[in-house]
Amino acid sequence: MSDSEKPTYRLLTGVDDHAFCVRVSEALADGYVLYGSPSCTYDPDQGRMLVAQAVIRP
């Protein structure tokens, strides 16, 4: 995907695990920067933490 096709804003969401950290790291390596603080919540039905991080392209 070319730079002009990439969205300016992305909200990355998922389970708080290594794979999520890799996705955020890949977005940063691709030129995105963190936008605001991460958000997290506990899903008691699944017994796991869910996280979200917004990133933007400057």
Protein backbone atom coordinates (compact mmCIF):
# COMPACT_ATOMS: atom_id res chain seq x y z
CA MET A 1 0.00 0.00 0.00
CA SER A 2 1.45 3.38 -0.95
CA ASP A 3 1.70 6.21 1.58
CA SER A 4 -1.15 8.07 -0.14
CA GLU A 5 -3.45 5.06 0.34
CA LYS A 6 -2.74 4.65 4.06
CA PRO A 7 -5.36 6.06 6.43
CA THR A 8 -4.38 9.11 8.45
CA TYR A 9 -5.96 7.67 11.62
CA ARG A 10 -6.06 4.10 12.84
CA LEU A 11 -7.42 2.58 16.03
CA LEU A 12 -5.60 -0.64 16.85
CA THR A 13 -7.51 -2.96 19.16
CA GLY A 14 -7.08 -6.44 20.52
CA VAL A 15 -6.12 -8.68 23.39
CA ASP A 16 -3.27 -7.34 25.52
CA ASP A 17 -0.61 -9.74 24.31
CA HIS A 18 2.65 -9.87 22.37
CA ALA A 19 0.85 -9.83 19.01
CA PHE A 20 -0.85 -6.52 19.87
CA CYS A 21 2.47 -4.97 20.87
CA VAL A 22 3.95 -6.13 17.56
CA ARG A 23 1.06 -4.52 15.64
CA VAL A 24 1.62 -1.18 17.40
CA SER A 25 5.38 -1.44 16.84
CA GLU A 26 4.84 -2.15 13.14
CA ALA A 27 2.56 0.89 12.82
CA LEU A 28 5.23 3.06 14.45
CA ALA A 29 7.91 1.67 12.13
CA ASP A 30 5.58 2.45 9.21
CA GLY A 31 5.54 6.15 10.09
CA TYR A 32 2.55 6.39 12.43
CA VAL A 33 2.85 8.09 15.81
CA LEU A 34 0.91 7.41 18.98
CA TYR A 35 -2.18 9.55 19.43
CA GLY A 36 -3.36 9.88 23.01
CA SER A 37 -3.09 7.33 25.76
CA PRO A 38 -3.85 3.64 25.36
CA SER A 39 -7.15 2.38 26.68
CA CYS A 40 -7.80 -0.95 28.35
CA THR A 41 -10.65 -2.87 29.85
CA TYR A 42 -11.11 -6.27 31.41
CA ASP A 43 -13.45 -8.76 29.75
CA PRO A 44 -14.72 -10.91 32.64
CA ASP A 45 -16.48 -13.37 30.33
CA GLN A 46 -13.23 -14.17 28.52
CA GLY A 47 -10.96 -13.50 31.49
CA ARG A 48 -8.60 -11.23 29.55
CA MET A 49 -7.52 -7.63 29.08
CA LEU A 50 -8.52 -5.80 25.89
CA VAL A 51 -6.53 -2.79 24.71
CA ALA A 52 -6.79 0.00 22.15
CA GLN A 53 -4.26 2.50 20.86
CA ALA A 54 -4.90 5.26 18.34
CA VAL A 55 -2.14 6.13 15.88
CA ILE A 56 -1.95 8.89 13.26
CA ARG A 57 0.22 9.70 10.25
CA PRO A 58 1.76 13.14 10.67
